[in-house]
């Protein structure tokens, strides 16, 4: 989750849009499976690494005129940092409370964080 994601919202009858802050939320269950682990599984689910992408975020849907800085909305989320001491298929594992980037490479939200663990079977800290 990243906050605020400032997007332009149409505000008729005003001739110009209103910059409005929104949360930008990415859900791990929507991760692009081709960017997750191929062979390694935890709790019978693919593992997220720093290579994992979530192609669509939510929370800023009302910002139909797109982000003030990024000129995007509902764009992808990527993990910016994992745990280098734990690798899955050669990549750092993505873990709870590590930084994320929202809205692609033109992020208009400050760096986000992974705030909800996807599983509690294997706990990785570091």
C-alpha atoms as a PDB file:
ATOM      1  CA  UNK A   1       0.000   0.000   0.000  1.00  0.00           C
ATOM      2  CA  UNK A   2       1.188   3.502  -0.836  1.00  0.00           C
ATOM      3  CA  UNK A   3      -0.399   6.728   0.343  1.00  0.00           C
ATOM      4  CA  UNK A   4      -1.062   9.346  -0.948  1.00  0.00           C
ATOM      5  CA  UNK A   5      -1.478   8.655  -4.637  1.00  0.00           C
ATOM      6  CA  UNK A   6      -2.543  12.109  -5.827  1.00  0.00           C
ATOM      7  CA  UNK A   7      -4.769  11.836  -8.898  1.00  0.00           C
ATOM      8  CA  UNK A   8      -6.784  14.336 -10.906  1.00  0.00           C
ATOM      9  CA  UNK A   9     -10.517  13.959 -10.363  1.00  0.00           C
ATOM     10  CA  UNK A  10     -13.093  15.620 -12.636  1.00  0.00           C
ATOM     11  CA  UNK A  11     -15.197  18.064 -10.636  1.00  0.00           C
ATOM     12  CA  UNK A  12     -17.983  19.515 -12.769  1.00  0.00           C
ATOM     13  CA  UNK A  13     -18.880  22.317 -13.067  1.00  0.00           C
ATOM     14  CA  UNK A  14     -15.272  23.289 -12.357  1.00  0.00           C
ATOM     15  CA  UNK A  15     -13.283  23.596 -15.598  1.00  0.00           C
ATOM     16  CA  UNK A  16     -10.183  22.063 -14.044  1.00  0.00           C
ATOM     17  CA  UNK A  17      -9.739  18.749 -12.223  1.00  0.00           C
ATOM     18  CA  UNK A  18      -9.212  18.575  -8.474  1.00  0.00           C
ATOM     19  CA  UNK A  19      -5.998  16.887  -7.229  1.00  0.00           C
ATOM     20  CA  UNK A  20      -7.172  14.292  -4.699  1.00  0.00           C
ATOM     21  CA  UNK A  21      -5.119  11.885  -2.548  1.00  0.00           C
ATOM     22  CA  UNK A  22      -6.040   8.198  -2.672  1.00  0.00           C
ATOM     23  CA  UNK A  23      -4.553   5.025  -1.232  1.00  0.00           C
ATOM     24  CA  UNK A  24      -2.883   2.816  -3.822  1.00  0.00           C
ATOM     25  CA  UNK A  25      -3.390  -0.848  -2.947  1.00  0.00           C
ATOM     26  CA  UNK A  26      -1.940  -3.986  -4.518  1.00  0.00           C
ATOM     27  CA  UNK A  27      -3.195  -7.436  -3.525  1.00  0.00           C
ATOM     28  CA  UNK A  28      -0.767 -10.373  -3.560  1.00  0.00           C
ATOM     29  CA  UNK A  29      -3.483 -12.726  -4.794  1.00  0.00           C
ATOM     30  CA  UNK A  30      -3.435 -10.677  -8.023  1.00  0.00           C
ATOM     31  CA  UNK A  31       0.299 -11.163  -8.624  1.00  0.00           C
ATOM     32  CA  UNK A  32       1.288 -12.072 -12.166  1.00  0.00           C
ATOM     33  CA  UNK A  33       1.989 -15.793 -11.804  1.00  0.00           C
ATOM     34  CA  UNK A  34       4.667 -15.681 -14.500  1.00  0.00           C
ATOM     35  CA  UNK A  35       6.704 -13.301 -12.287  1.00  0.00           C
ATOM     36  CA  UNK A  36       6.463 -15.548  -9.191  1.00  0.00           C
ATOM     37  CA  UNK A  37       8.454 -18.708  -8.464  1.00  0.00           C
ATOM     38  CA  UNK A  38       8.065 -21.603 -10.890  1.00  0.00           C
ATOM     39  CA  UNK A  39       9.057 -24.568  -8.720  1.00  0.00           C
ATOM     40  CA  UNK A  40       9.142 -23.361  -5.105  1.00  0.00           C
ATOM     41  CA  UNK A  41       5.868 -23.146  -3.184  1.00  0.00           C
ATOM     42  CA  UNK A  42       4.867 -22.157   0.345  1.00  0.00           C
ATOM     43  CA  UNK A  43       1.450 -23.317   1.582  1.00  0.00           C
ATOM     44  CA  UNK A  44       0.974 -24.702  -1.956  1.00  0.00           C
ATOM     45  CA  UNK A  45       1.235 -21.220  -3.505  1.00  0.00           C
ATOM     46  CA  UNK A  46       3.902 -19.666  -5.693  1.00  0.00           C
ATOM     47  CA  UNK A  47       6.422 -17.475  -3.863  1.00  0.00           C
ATOM     48  CA  UNK A  48       6.742 -13.721  -4.445  1.00  0.00           C
ATOM     49  CA  UNK A  49      10.255 -12.411  -5.027  1.00  0.00           C
ATOM     50  CA  UNK A  50      11.626  -8.994  -5.953  1.00  0.00           C
ATOM     51  CA  UNK A  51      10.855  -9.980  -9.568  1.00  0.00           C
ATOM     52  CA  UNK A  52       7.120 -10.324  -8.846  1.00  0.00           C
ATOM     53  CA  UNK A  53       4.734  -7.763 -10.330  1.00  0.00           C
ATOM     54  CA  UNK A  54       1.095  -7.018  -9.664  1.00  0.00           C
ATOM     55  CA  UNK A  55      -0.155  -5.576 -12.930  1.00  0.00           C
ATOM     56  CA  UNK A  56      -3.081  -3.586 -11.564  1.00  0.00           C
ATOM     57  CA  UNK A  57      -3.534  -1.705  -8.310  1.00  0.00           C
ATOM     58  CA  UNK A  58      -6.714  -0.289  -6.813  1.00  0.00           C
ATOM     59  CA  UNK A  59      -7.880   2.579  -4.632  1.00  0.00           C
ATOM     60  CA  UNK A  60      -7.400   5.396  -7.122  1.00  0.00           C
ATOM     61  CA  UNK A  61     -10.185   4.467  -9.554  1.00  0.00           C
ATOM     62  CA  UNK A  62     -11.906   7.843  -9.123  1.00  0.00           C
ATOM     63  CA  UNK A  63      -8.780   9.578 -10.436  1.00  0.00           C
ATOM     64  CA  UNK A  64      -9.888   9.035 -14.020  1.00  0.00           C
ATOM     65  CA  UNK A  65      -7.755  11.924 -15.280  1.00  0.00           C
ATOM     66  CA  UNK A  66      -4.696  10.034 -13.972  1.00  0.00           C
ATOM     67  CA  UNK A  67      -1.920  10.821 -11.526  1.00  0.00           C
ATOM     68  CA  UNK A  68      -0.614  14.353 -11.020  1.00  0.00           C
ATOM     69  CA  UNK A  69       3.010  13.178 -11.383  1.00  0.00           C
ATOM     70  CA  UNK A  70       2.832   9.762 -13.063  1.00  0.00           C
ATOM     71  CA  UNK A  71      -0.030  10.420 -15.489  1.00  0.00           C
ATOM     72  CA  UNK A  72      -1.218   6.867 -14.724  1.00  0.00           C
ATOM     73  CA  UNK A  73      -3.677   5.268 -12.361  1.00  0.00           C
ATOM     74  CA  UNK A  74      -4.250   1.669 -11.334  1.00  0.00           C
ATOM     75  CA  UNK A  75      -0.837   0.761 -12.804  1.00  0.00           C
ATOM     76  CA  UNK A  76       1.534  -2.001 -11.657  1.00  0.00           C
ATOM     77  CA  UNK A  77       3.224  -2.554  -8.293  1.00  0.00           C
ATOM     78  CA  UNK A  78       6.718  -3.979  -7.888  1.00  0.00           C
ATOM     79  CA  UNK A  79       8.787  -4.977  -4.874  1.00  0.00           C
ATOM     80  CA  UNK A  80      11.809  -2.714  -4.372  1.00  0.00           C
ATOM     81  CA  UNK A  81      13.596  -4.705  -1.691  1.00  0.00           C
ATOM     82  CA  UNK A  82      13.567  -8.277  -0.482  1.00  0.00           C
ATOM     83  CA  UNK A  83      15.637 -10.301   1.959  1.00  0.00           C
ATOM     84  CA  UNK A  84      19.002 -11.023   0.346  1.00  0.00           C
ATOM     85  CA  UNK A  85      19.766 -13.876   2.762  1.00  0.00           C
ATOM     86  CA  UNK A  86      16.744 -15.876   1.517  1.00  0.00           C
ATOM     87  CA  UNK A  87      16.625 -16.643  -2.196  1.00  0.00           C
ATOM     88  CA  UNK A  88      13.939 -18.400  -4.198  1.00  0.00           C
ATOM     89  CA  UNK A  89      15.078 -19.507  -7.647  1.00  0.00           C
ATOM     90  CA  UNK A  90      17.954 -17.014  -7.431  1.00  0.00           C
ATOM     91  CA  UNK A  91      15.907 -13.958  -6.402  1.00  0.00           C
ATOM     92  CA  UNK A  92      15.515 -12.234  -3.031  1.00  0.00           C
ATOM     93  CA  UNK A  93      12.246 -13.235  -1.379  1.00  0.00           C
ATOM     94  CA  UNK A  94       9.610 -10.506  -0.901  1.00  0.00           C
ATOM     95  CA  UNK A  95       8.557 -10.157   2.717  1.00  0.00           C
ATOM     96  CA  UNK A  96       6.206  -8.253   4.996  1.00  0.00           C
ATOM     97  CA  UNK A  97       7.044  -4.554   5.630  1.00  0.00           C
ATOM     98  CA  UNK A  98       9.535  -4.200   2.761  1.00  0.00           C
ATOM     99  CA  UNK A  99       9.263  -1.280   0.274  1.00  0.00           C
ATOM    100  CA  UNK A 100       7.133  -1.415  -2.856  1.00  0.00           C
ATOM    101  CA  UNK A 101       6.722   0.905  -5.861  1.00  0.00           C
ATOM    102  CA  UNK A 102       3.286   1.735  -7.234  1.00  0.00           C
ATOM    103  CA  UNK A 103       2.064   3.060 -10.608  1.00  0.00           C
ATOM    104  CA  UNK A 104       4.941   1.706 -12.640  1.00  0.00           C
ATOM    105  CA  UNK A 105       8.174   3.562 -13.297  1.00  0.00           C
ATOM    106  CA  UNK A 106       6.513   7.003 -13.055  1.00  0.00           C
ATOM    107  CA  UNK A 107       5.395   6.588  -9.479  1.00  0.00           C
ATOM    108  CA  UNK A 108       3.357   9.504  -8.122  1.00  0.00           C
ATOM    109  CA  UNK A 109       2.858   7.850  -4.748  1.00  0.00           C
ATOM    110  CA  UNK A 110       5.618   7.752  -2.162  1.00  0.00           C
ATOM    111  CA  UNK A 111       7.265   4.395  -1.670  1.00  0.00           C
ATOM    112  CA  UNK A 112       4.740   1.911  -0.360  1.00  0.00           C
ATOM    113  CA  UNK A 113       5.143  -1.094   1.869  1.00  0.00           C
ATOM    114  CA  UNK A 114       4.005  -4.711   1.943  1.00  0.00           C
ATOM    115  CA  UNK A 115       1.613  -4.452   4.915  1.00  0.00           C
ATOM    116  CA  UNK A 116      -0.198  -7.809   5.049  1.00  0.00           C
ATOM    117  CA  UNK A 117       1.557 -11.182   4.977  1.00  0.00           C
ATOM    118  CA  UNK A 118       0.305 -13.568   2.306  1.00  0.00           C
ATOM    119  CA  UNK A 119       0.937 -16.604   4.496  1.00  0.00           C
ATOM    120  CA  UNK A 120       2.096 -17.349   8.034  1.00  0.00           C
ATOM    121  CA  UNK A 121       3.529 -20.834   7.514  1.00  0.00           C
ATOM    122  CA  UNK A 122       7.103 -19.725   6.815  1.00  0.00           C
ATOM    123  CA  UNK A 123       8.290 -16.609   8.639  1.00  0.00           C
ATOM    124  CA  UNK A 124      11.307 -14.816   7.140  1.00  0.00           C
ATOM    125  CA  UNK A 125      12.901 -11.837   8.844  1.00  0.00           C
ATOM    126  CA  UNK A 126      15.983  -9.903   7.986  1.00  0.00           C
END
